Every structure is written in C-alpha cells, then in structure tokens.
Amino acid sequence: MHDFISELPMYQHCRQVVEIVSGAISTKHGLENNLYAAYEALLLKGIVVDKELHALEAWLSEISDL
C-alpha cells in the first residue's frame, strides 16, 4: 500500500509529469541518461521521492553490467 501511495503524484499530476519529462530529455542523449534526467527532474518537482532515484541508479548500474 505504501508503494501505491508513493506513486499517487504521478497519476495526480499527469500533464505536469509529461511537461517535466519532455523538458528534461533530449534526442542527443541515450536512454539511460534520459531516464535518469527524467527522474531527476521529477524529484526536483516533488513528483518522485529520493528513494526512487536511488533505485533507478542501482537498476541502471545492474543493466550496464549485462
């Protein structure tokens, strides 16, 4: 239930999320960099929490080793 509640802002602010992410990503960067930039921008706006950025960092690290 805590995970669901932590994700509510993503659903409550859908349009804002799209605008934030659109402004944070670039065709000049790869998928991993854009994903990180998107989450970082969402963190700055209070849409995601710091814990999610750390989880993303760990996930990106794991897939880079593949």
PDB file of N, CA and C in Angstrom:
ATOM      1  N   MET A   1       0.821  -1.196   0.000  1.00  0.00           N
ATOM      2  CA  MET A   1       0.000   0.000   0.000  1.00  0.00           C
ATOM      3  C   MET A   1       0.863   1.257   0.000  1.00  0.00           C
ATOM      4  N   HIS A   2       1.997   1.207   0.710  1.00  0.00           N
ATOM      5  CA  HIS A   2       2.889   2.369   0.762  1.00  0.00           C
ATOM      6  C   HIS A   2       3.438   2.702  -0.621  1.00  0.00           C
ATOM      7  N   ASP A   3       3.762   1.659  -1.391  1.00  0.00           N
ATOM      8  CA  ASP A   3       4.271   1.872  -2.745  1.00  0.00           C
ATOM      9  C   ASP A   3       3.218   2.558  -3.605  1.00  0.00           C
ATOM     10  N   PHE A   4       1.983   2.106  -3.519  1.00  0.00           N
ATOM     11  CA  PHE A   4       0.893   2.717  -4.284  1.00  0.00           C
ATOM     12  C   PHE A   4       0.723   4.188  -3.905  1.00  0.00           C
ATOM     13  N   ILE A   5       0.716   4.463  -2.616  1.00  0.00           N
ATOM     14  CA  ILE A   5       0.538   5.846  -2.141  1.00  0.00           C
ATOM     15  C   ILE A   5       1.696   6.728  -2.622  1.00  0.00           C
ATOM     16  N   SER A   6       2.907   6.181  -2.635  1.00  0.00           N
ATOM     17  CA  SER A   6       4.053   6.978  -3.087  1.00  0.00           C
ATOM     18  C   SER A   6       3.977   7.302  -4.575  1.00  0.00           C
ATOM     19  N   GLU A   7       3.216   6.510  -5.331  1.00  0.00           N
ATOM     20  CA  GLU A   7       3.086   6.740  -6.773  1.00  0.00           C
ATOM     21  C   GLU A   7       1.903   7.645  -7.128  1.00  0.00           C
ATOM     22  N   LEU A   8       1.076   7.986  -6.181  1.00  0.00           N
ATOM     23  CA  LEU A   8      -0.095   8.823  -6.470  1.00  0.00           C
ATOM     24  C   LEU A   8       0.231  10.139  -7.184  1.00  0.00           C
ATOM     25  N   PRO A   9       1.290  10.859  -6.796  1.00  0.00           N
ATOM     26  CA  PRO A   9       1.574  12.114  -7.503  1.00  0.00           C
ATOM     27  C   PRO A   9       1.768  11.936  -9.004  1.00  0.00           C
ATOM     28  N   MET A  10       2.299  10.792  -9.423  1.00  0.00           N
ATOM     29  CA  MET A  10       2.475  10.546 -10.863  1.00  0.00           C
ATOM     30  C   MET A  10       1.123  10.537 -11.575  1.00  0.00           C
ATOM     31  N   TYR A  11       0.106  10.042 -10.901  1.00  0.00           N
ATOM     32  CA  TYR A  11      -1.220   9.969 -11.503  1.00  0.00           C
ATOM     33  C   TYR A  11      -1.992  11.276 -11.318  1.00  0.00           C
ATOM     34  N   GLN A  12      -1.767  11.935 -10.209  1.00  0.00           N
ATOM     35  CA  GLN A  12      -2.482  13.176  -9.930  1.00  0.00           C
ATOM     36  C   GLN A  12      -2.001  14.334 -10.793  1.00  0.00           C
ATOM     37  N   HIS A  13      -0.779  14.257 -11.251  1.00  0.00           N
ATOM     38  CA  HIS A  13      -0.184  15.370 -11.999  1.00  0.00           C
ATOM     39  C   HIS A  13       0.321  14.900 -13.366  1.00  0.00           C
ATOM     40  N   CYS A  14      -0.481  14.119 -14.061  1.00  0.00           N
ATOM     41  CA  CYS A  14      -0.062  13.518 -15.332  1.00  0.00           C
ATOM     42  C   CYS A  14       0.444  14.554 -16.335  1.00  0.00           C
ATOM     43  N   ARG A  15      -0.302  15.599 -16.522  1.00  0.00           N
ATOM     44  CA  ARG A  15       0.112  16.610 -17.506  1.00  0.00           C
ATOM     45  C   ARG A  15       1.423  17.259 -17.099  1.00  0.00           C
ATOM     46  N   GLN A  16       1.561  17.574 -15.832  1.00  0.00           N
ATOM     47  CA  GLN A  16       2.788  18.180 -15.341  1.00  0.00           C
ATOM     48  C   GLN A  16       3.964  17.213 -15.502  1.00  0.00           C
ATOM     49  N   VAL A  17       3.738  15.942 -15.254  1.00  0.00           N
ATOM     50  CA  VAL A  17       4.786  14.935 -15.407  1.00  0.00           C
ATOM     51  C   VAL A  17       5.271  14.901 -16.856  1.00  0.00           C
ATOM     52  N   VAL A  18       4.330  14.910 -17.789  1.00  0.00           N
ATOM     53  CA  VAL A  18       4.695  14.895 -19.212  1.00  0.00           C
ATOM     54  C   VAL A  18       5.516  16.135 -19.561  1.00  0.00           C
ATOM     55  N   GLU A  19       5.101  17.285 -19.075  1.00  0.00           N
ATOM     56  CA  GLU A  19       5.831  18.522 -19.356  1.00  0.00           C
ATOM     57  C   GLU A  19       7.231  18.490 -18.741  1.00  0.00           C
ATOM     58  N   ILE A  20       7.336  18.024 -17.515  1.00  0.00           N
ATOM     59  CA  ILE A  20       8.627  17.962 -16.833  1.00  0.00           C
ATOM     60  C   ILE A  20       9.574  17.023 -17.569  1.00  0.00           C
ATOM     61  N   VAL A  21       9.082  15.842 -17.885  1.00  0.00           N
ATOM     62  CA  VAL A  21       9.915  14.848 -18.559  1.00  0.00           C
ATOM     63  C   VAL A  21      10.294  15.328 -19.960  1.00  0.00           C
ATOM     64  N   SER A  22       9.358  15.904 -20.670  1.00  0.00           N
ATOM     65  CA  SER A  22       9.646  16.413 -22.022  1.00  0.00           C
ATOM     66  C   SER A  22      10.744  17.464 -21.990  1.00  0.00           C
ATOM     67  N   GLY A  23      10.753  18.274 -20.958  1.00  0.00           N
ATOM     68  CA  GLY A  23      11.778  19.295 -20.828  1.00  0.00           C
ATOM     69  C   GLY A  23      13.120  18.771 -20.364  1.00  0.00           C
ATOM     70  N   ALA A  24      13.121  17.584 -19.778  1.00  0.00           N
ATOM     71  CA  ALA A  24      14.351  17.037 -19.193  1.00  0.00           C
ATOM     72  C   ALA A  24      15.127  16.133 -20.142  1.00  0.00           C
ATOM     73  N   ILE A  25      14.453  15.580 -21.134  1.00  0.00           N
ATOM     74  CA  ILE A  25      15.116  14.621 -22.012  1.00  0.00           C
ATOM     75  C   ILE A  25      15.548  15.277 -23.314  1.00  0.00           C
ATOM     76  N   SER A  26      16.454  14.600 -24.009  1.00  0.00           N
ATOM     77  CA  SER A  26      16.986  15.135 -25.253  1.00  0.00           C
ATOM     78  C   SER A  26      17.299  13.998 -26.216  1.00  0.00           C
ATOM     79  N   THR A  27      17.079  14.245 -27.490  1.00  0.00           N
ATOM     80  CA  THR A  27      17.430  13.237 -28.500  1.00  0.00           C
ATOM     81  C   THR A  27      18.939  13.077 -28.622  1.00  0.00           C
ATOM     82  N   LYS A  28      19.685  13.983 -28.039  1.00  0.00           N
ATOM     83  CA  LYS A  28      21.147  13.915 -28.076  1.00  0.00           C
ATOM     84  C   LYS A  28      21.700  12.910 -27.069  1.00  0.00           C
ATOM     85  N   HIS A  29      20.861  12.452 -26.140  1.00  0.00           N
ATOM     86  CA  HIS A  29      21.300  11.544 -25.086  1.00  0.00           C
ATOM     87  C   HIS A  29      20.673  10.176 -25.259  1.00  0.00           C
ATOM     88  N   GLY A  30      21.319   9.183 -24.700  1.00  0.00           N
ATOM     89  CA  GLY A  30      20.822   7.819 -24.753  1.00  0.00           C
ATOM     90  C   GLY A  30      19.699   7.572 -23.761  1.00  0.00           C
ATOM     91  N   LEU A  31      19.151   6.390 -23.843  1.00  0.00           N
ATOM     92  CA  LEU A  31      18.020   6.007 -22.999  1.00  0.00           C
ATOM     93  C   LEU A  31      18.338   6.135 -21.514  1.00  0.00           C
ATOM     94  N   GLU A  32      19.480   5.609 -21.101  1.00  0.00           N
ATOM     95  CA  GLU A  32      19.833   5.632 -19.683  1.00  0.00           C
ATOM     96  C   GLU A  32      19.957   7.064 -19.162  1.00  0.00           C
ATOM     97  N   ASN A  33      20.646   7.912 -19.921  1.00  0.00           N
ATOM     98  CA  ASN A  33      20.808   9.302 -19.495  1.00  0.00           C
ATOM     99  C   ASN A  33      19.476  10.041 -19.449  1.00  0.00           C
ATOM    100  N   ASN A  34      18.632   9.788 -20.440  1.00  0.00           N
ATOM    101  CA  ASN A  34      17.318  10.436 -20.457  1.00  0.00           C
ATOM    102  C   ASN A  34      16.439   9.960 -19.313  1.00  0.00           C
ATOM    103  N   LEU A  35      16.501   8.674 -19.016  1.00  0.00           N
ATOM    104  CA  LEU A  35      15.704   8.144 -17.914  1.00  0.00           C
ATOM    105  C   LEU A  35      16.137   8.763 -16.599  1.00  0.00           C
ATOM    106  N   TYR A  36      17.441   8.853 -16.393  1.00  0.00           N
ATOM    107  CA  TYR A  36      17.958   9.468 -15.178  1.00  0.00           C
ATOM    108  C   TYR A  36      17.566  10.947 -15.111  1.00  0.00           C
ATOM    109  N   ALA A  37      17.713  11.652 -16.214  1.00  0.00           N
ATOM    110  CA  ALA A  37      17.362  13.080 -16.262  1.00  0.00           C
ATOM    111  C   ALA A  37      15.880  13.286 -15.965  1.00  0.00           C
ATOM    112  N   ALA A  38      15.046  12.396 -16.472  1.00  0.00           N
ATOM    113  CA  ALA A  38      13.605  12.498 -16.232  1.00  0.00           C
ATOM    114  C   ALA A  38      13.297  12.332 -14.745  1.00  0.00           C
ATOM    115  N   TYR A  39      13.879  11.313 -14.139  1.00  0.00           N
ATOM    116  CA  TYR A  39      13.628  11.085 -12.715  1.00  0.00           C
ATOM    117  C   TYR A  39      14.206  12.206 -11.860  1.00  0.00           C
ATOM    118  N   GLU A  40      15.366  12.713 -12.250  1.00  0.00           N
ATOM    119  CA  GLU A  40      15.974  13.804 -11.504  1.00  0.00           C
ATOM    120  C   GLU A  40      15.085  15.050 -11.553  1.00  0.00           C
ATOM    121  N   ALA A  41      14.529  15.337 -12.723  1.00  0.00           N
ATOM    122  CA  ALA A  41      13.634  16.490 -12.864  1.00  0.00           C
ATOM    123  C   ALA A  41      12.353  16.282 -12.059  1.00  0.00           C
ATOM    124  N   LEU A  42      11.828  15.058 -12.067  1.00  0.00           N
ATOM    125  CA  LEU A  42      10.625  14.759 -11.295  1.00  0.00           C
ATOM    126  C   LEU A  42      10.893  14.868  -9.794  1.00  0.00           C
ATOM    127  N   LEU A  43      12.087  14.488  -9.383  1.00  0.00           N
ATOM    128  CA  LEU A  43      12.474  14.619  -7.974  1.00  0.00           C
ATOM    129  C   LEU A  43      12.505  16.091  -7.571  1.00  0.00           C
ATOM    130  N   LEU A  44      13.082  16.930  -8.405  1.00  0.00           N
ATOM    131  CA  LEU A  44      13.164  18.364  -8.100  1.00  0.00           C
ATOM    132  C   LEU A  44      11.785  18.999  -7.962  1.00  0.00           C
ATOM    133  N   LYS A  45      10.805  18.459  -8.671  1.00  0.00           N
ATOM    134  CA  LYS A  45       9.437  18.987  -8.606  1.00  0.00           C
ATOM    135  C   LYS A  45       8.587  18.293  -7.543  1.00  0.00           C
ATOM    136  N   GLY A  46       9.170  17.328  -6.822  1.00  0.00           N
ATOM    137  CA  GLY A  46       8.445  16.656  -5.756  1.00  0.00           C
ATOM    138  C   GLY A  46       7.470  15.593  -6.230  1.00  0.00           C
ATOM    139  N   ILE A  47       7.634  15.141  -7.469  1.00  0.00           N
ATOM    140  CA  ILE A  47       6.734  14.119  -8.009  1.00  0.00           C
ATOM    141  C   ILE A  47       7.195  12.725  -7.587  1.00  0.00           C
ATOM    142  N   VAL A  48       8.490  12.509  -7.554  1.00  0.00           N
ATOM    143  CA  VAL A  48       9.035  11.238  -7.055  1.00  0.00           C
ATOM    144  C   VAL A  48       9.881  11.535  -5.827  1.00  0.00           C
ATOM    145  N   VAL A  49      10.181  10.501  -5.069  1.00  0.00           N
ATOM    146  CA  VAL A  49      10.991  10.668  -3.862  1.00  0.00           C
ATOM    147  C   VAL A  49      12.423  10.206  -4.127  1.00  0.00           C
ATOM    148  N   ASP A  50      13.329  10.648  -3.289  1.00  0.00           N
ATOM    149  CA  ASP A  50      14.752  10.354  -3.419  1.00  0.00           C
ATOM    150  C   ASP A  50      15.027   8.855  -3.523  1.00  0.00           C
ATOM    151  N   LYS A  51      14.260   8.069  -2.807  1.00  0.00           N
ATOM    152  CA  LYS A  51      14.421   6.611  -2.814  1.00  0.00           C
ATOM    153  C   LYS A  51      14.277   6.039  -4.227  1.00  0.00           C
ATOM    154  N   GLU A  52      13.377   6.636  -5.020  1.00  0.00           N
ATOM    155  CA  GLU A  52      13.172   6.140  -6.381  1.00  0.00           C
ATOM    156  C   GLU A  52      14.377   6.430  -7.266  1.00  0.00           C
ATOM    157  N   LEU A  53      15.011   7.565  -7.061  1.00  0.00           N
ATOM    158  CA  LEU A  53      16.203   7.896  -7.833  1.00  0.00           C
ATOM    159  C   LEU A  53      17.339   6.937  -7.492  1.00  0.00           C
ATOM    160  N   HIS A  54      17.466   6.588  -6.223  1.00  0.00           N
ATOM    161  CA  HIS A  54      18.497   5.625  -5.811  1.00  0.00           C
ATOM    162  C   HIS A  54      18.218   4.241  -6.403  1.00  0.00           C
ATOM    163  N   ALA A  55      16.959   3.856  -6.450  1.00  0.00           N
ATOM    164  CA  ALA A  55      16.596   2.572  -7.052  1.00  0.00           C
ATOM    165  C   ALA A  55      16.913   2.579  -8.544  1.00  0.00           C
ATOM    166  N   LEU A  56      16.642   3.691  -9.197  1.00  0.00           N
ATOM    167  CA  LEU A  56      16.950   3.812 -10.625  1.00  0.00           C
ATOM    168  C   LEU A  56      18.458   3.718 -10.849  1.00  0.00           C
ATOM    169  N   GLU A  57      19.234   4.386 -10.019  1.00  0.00           N
ATOM    170  CA  GLU A  57      20.692   4.325 -10.136  1.00  0.00           C
ATOM    171  C   GLU A  57      21.178   2.878 -10.013  1.00  0.00           C
ATOM    172  N   ALA A  58      20.652   2.157  -9.060  1.00  0.00           N
ATOM    173  CA  ALA A  58      21.040   0.751  -8.862  1.00  0.00           C
ATOM    174  C   ALA A  58      20.642  -0.094 -10.065  1.00  0.00           C
ATOM    175  N   TRP A  59      19.447   0.131 -10.581  1.00  0.00           N
ATOM    176  CA  TRP A  59      18.965  -0.619 -11.741  1.00  0.00           C
ATOM    177  C   TRP A  59      19.825  -0.320 -12.966  1.00  0.00           C
ATOM    178  N   LEU A  60      20.115   0.951 -13.204  1.00  0.00           N
ATOM    179  CA  LEU A  60      20.947   1.335 -14.345  1.00  0.00           C
ATOM    180  C   LEU A  60      22.337   0.730 -14.228  1.00  0.00           C
ATOM    181  N   SER A  61      22.864   0.676 -13.016  1.00  0.00           N
ATOM    182  CA  SER A  61      24.163   0.062 -12.793  1.00  0.00           C
ATOM    183  C   SER A  61      24.122  -1.425 -13.120  1.00  0.00           C
ATOM    184  N   GLU A  62      23.063  -2.088 -12.700  1.00  0.00           N
ATOM    185  CA  GLU A  62      22.920  -3.518 -12.958  1.00  0.00           C
ATOM    186  C   GLU A  62      22.813  -3.802 -14.455  1.00  0.00           C
ATOM    187  N   ILE A  63      22.023  -3.044 -15.177  1.00  0.00           N
ATOM    188  CA  ILE A  63      21.865  -3.348 -16.604  1.00  0.00           C
ATOM    189  C   ILE A  63      23.103  -2.971 -17.410  1.00  0.00           C
ATOM    190  N   SER A  64      23.902  -2.034 -16.900  1.00  0.00           N
ATOM    191  CA  SER A  64      25.129  -1.674 -17.618  1.00  0.00           C
ATOM    192  C   SER A  64      26.141  -2.805 -17.554  1.00  0.00           C
ATOM    193  N   ASP A  65      26.014  -3.655 -16.546  1.00  0.00           N
ATOM    194  CA  ASP A  65      26.931  -4.796 -16.406  1.00  0.00           C
ATOM    195  C   ASP A  65      26.569  -5.964 -17.309  1.00  0.00           C
ATOM    196  N   LEU A  66      25.408  -5.905 -17.936  1.00  0.00           N
ATOM    197  CA  LEU A  66      24.980  -7.033 -18.774  1.00  0.00           C
ATOM    198  C   LEU A  66      25.705  -7.096 -20.084  1.00  0.00           C
TER     199      LEU A  66
END
